[in-house]
């Protein structure tokens, strides 16, 4: 889970607006619950994952061409 720093003070080496992970907080000797309770961090907004649309090449079906005029040349 990610958290965003909401205070002007440095939190676990990060400044306001930067993101922290649980591992960052624990490695710095902090406790997630305490930082949340003090209002120093908040849960980061979850961004939706964008799915790439795979566009397949559309092939037009082969249609026979019929000419209304059959010219076989001069006979």
Protein backbone atom coordinates (compact mmCIF):
# COMPACT_ATOMS: atom_id res chain seq x y z
CA UNK A 1 0.00 0.00 0.00
CA UNK A 2 1.17 3.51 -0.71
CA UNK A 3 0.79 6.62 1.40
CA UNK A 4 1.29 10.31 0.62
CA UNK A 5 3.01 12.73 2.99
CA UNK A 6 0.58 15.49 4.02
CA UNK A 7 2.70 17.60 6.37
CA UNK A 8 5.43 20.15 5.73
CA UNK A 9 7.76 18.12 7.96
CA UNK A 10 9.93 15.34 6.61
CA UNK A 11 8.42 11.92 7.22
CA UNK A 12 10.76 8.95 6.78
CA UNK A 13 12.96 11.07 4.51
CA UNK A 14 10.10 12.21 2.27
CA UNK A 15 8.59 15.67 1.92
CA UNK A 16 5.01 16.83 1.36
CA UNK A 17 3.39 15.24 -1.68
CA UNK A 18 5.87 12.38 -2.05
CA UNK A 19 4.74 8.79 -1.77
CA UNK A 20 5.80 6.24 0.81
CA UNK A 21 5.30 2.51 0.94
CA UNK A 22 4.80 0.42 4.06
CA UNK A 23 8.34 -0.90 3.65
CA UNK A 24 9.75 2.65 3.53
CA UNK A 25 8.02 3.51 6.80
CA UNK A 26 9.03 0.33 8.61
CA UNK A 27 12.65 0.53 7.39
CA UNK A 28 12.83 4.09 8.76
CA UNK A 29 11.59 2.86 12.14
CA UNK A 30 8.10 4.32 11.90
CA UNK A 31 4.64 2.86 12.40
CA UNK A 32 1.99 3.28 9.75
CA UNK A 33 -0.90 3.47 12.24
CA UNK A 34 0.79 6.19 14.28
CA UNK A 35 1.62 8.34 11.24
CA UNK A 36 -1.96 7.98 10.01
CA UNK A 37 -3.39 8.89 13.43
CA UNK A 38 -1.19 12.00 13.62
CA UNK A 39 -2.30 13.06 10.15
CA UNK A 40 1.23 13.10 8.79
CA UNK A 41 0.36 10.72 5.96
CA UNK A 42 -2.77 9.59 4.15
CA UNK A 43 -3.57 6.72 1.84
CA UNK A 44 -2.50 7.48 -1.70
CA UNK A 45 -5.26 7.76 -4.26
CA UNK A 46 -5.59 4.60 -6.24
CA UNK A 47 -5.23 5.18 -9.92
CA UNK A 48 -7.11 2.86 -12.22
CA UNK A 49 -5.02 0.65 -14.39
CA UNK A 50 -5.29 1.43 -18.05
CA UNK A 51 -5.86 -1.52 -20.25
CA UNK A 52 -4.22 -1.33 -23.61
CA UNK A 53 -6.59 -1.94 -26.41
CA UNK A 54 -5.13 -4.20 -28.97
CA UNK A 55 -6.33 -3.11 -32.33
CA UNK A 56 -6.43 -5.94 -34.77
CA UNK A 57 -5.98 -5.19 -38.40
CA UNK A 58 -9.32 -5.26 -40.06
CA UNK A 59 -9.10 -7.05 -43.32
CA UNK A 60 -11.79 -6.38 -45.83
CA UNK A 61 -13.24 -9.55 -47.25
CA UNK A 62 -12.28 -10.30 -50.81
CA UNK A 63 -15.19 -9.55 -53.06
CA UNK A 64 -15.15 -10.66 -56.67
CA UNK A 65 -15.39 -7.81 -59.12
CA UNK A 66 -17.98 -8.16 -61.84
CA UNK A 67 -17.65 -5.93 -64.83
CA UNK A 68 -20.84 -5.07 -66.61
CA UNK A 69 -18.87 -4.78 -69.80
CA UNK A 70 -16.85 -7.73 -70.98
CA UNK A 71 -14.46 -6.43 -73.60
CA UNK A 72 -12.44 -9.08 -75.21
CA UNK A 73 -11.09 -6.79 -77.81
CA UNK A 74 -12.06 -6.45 -81.47
CA UNK A 75 -12.98 -9.70 -83.15
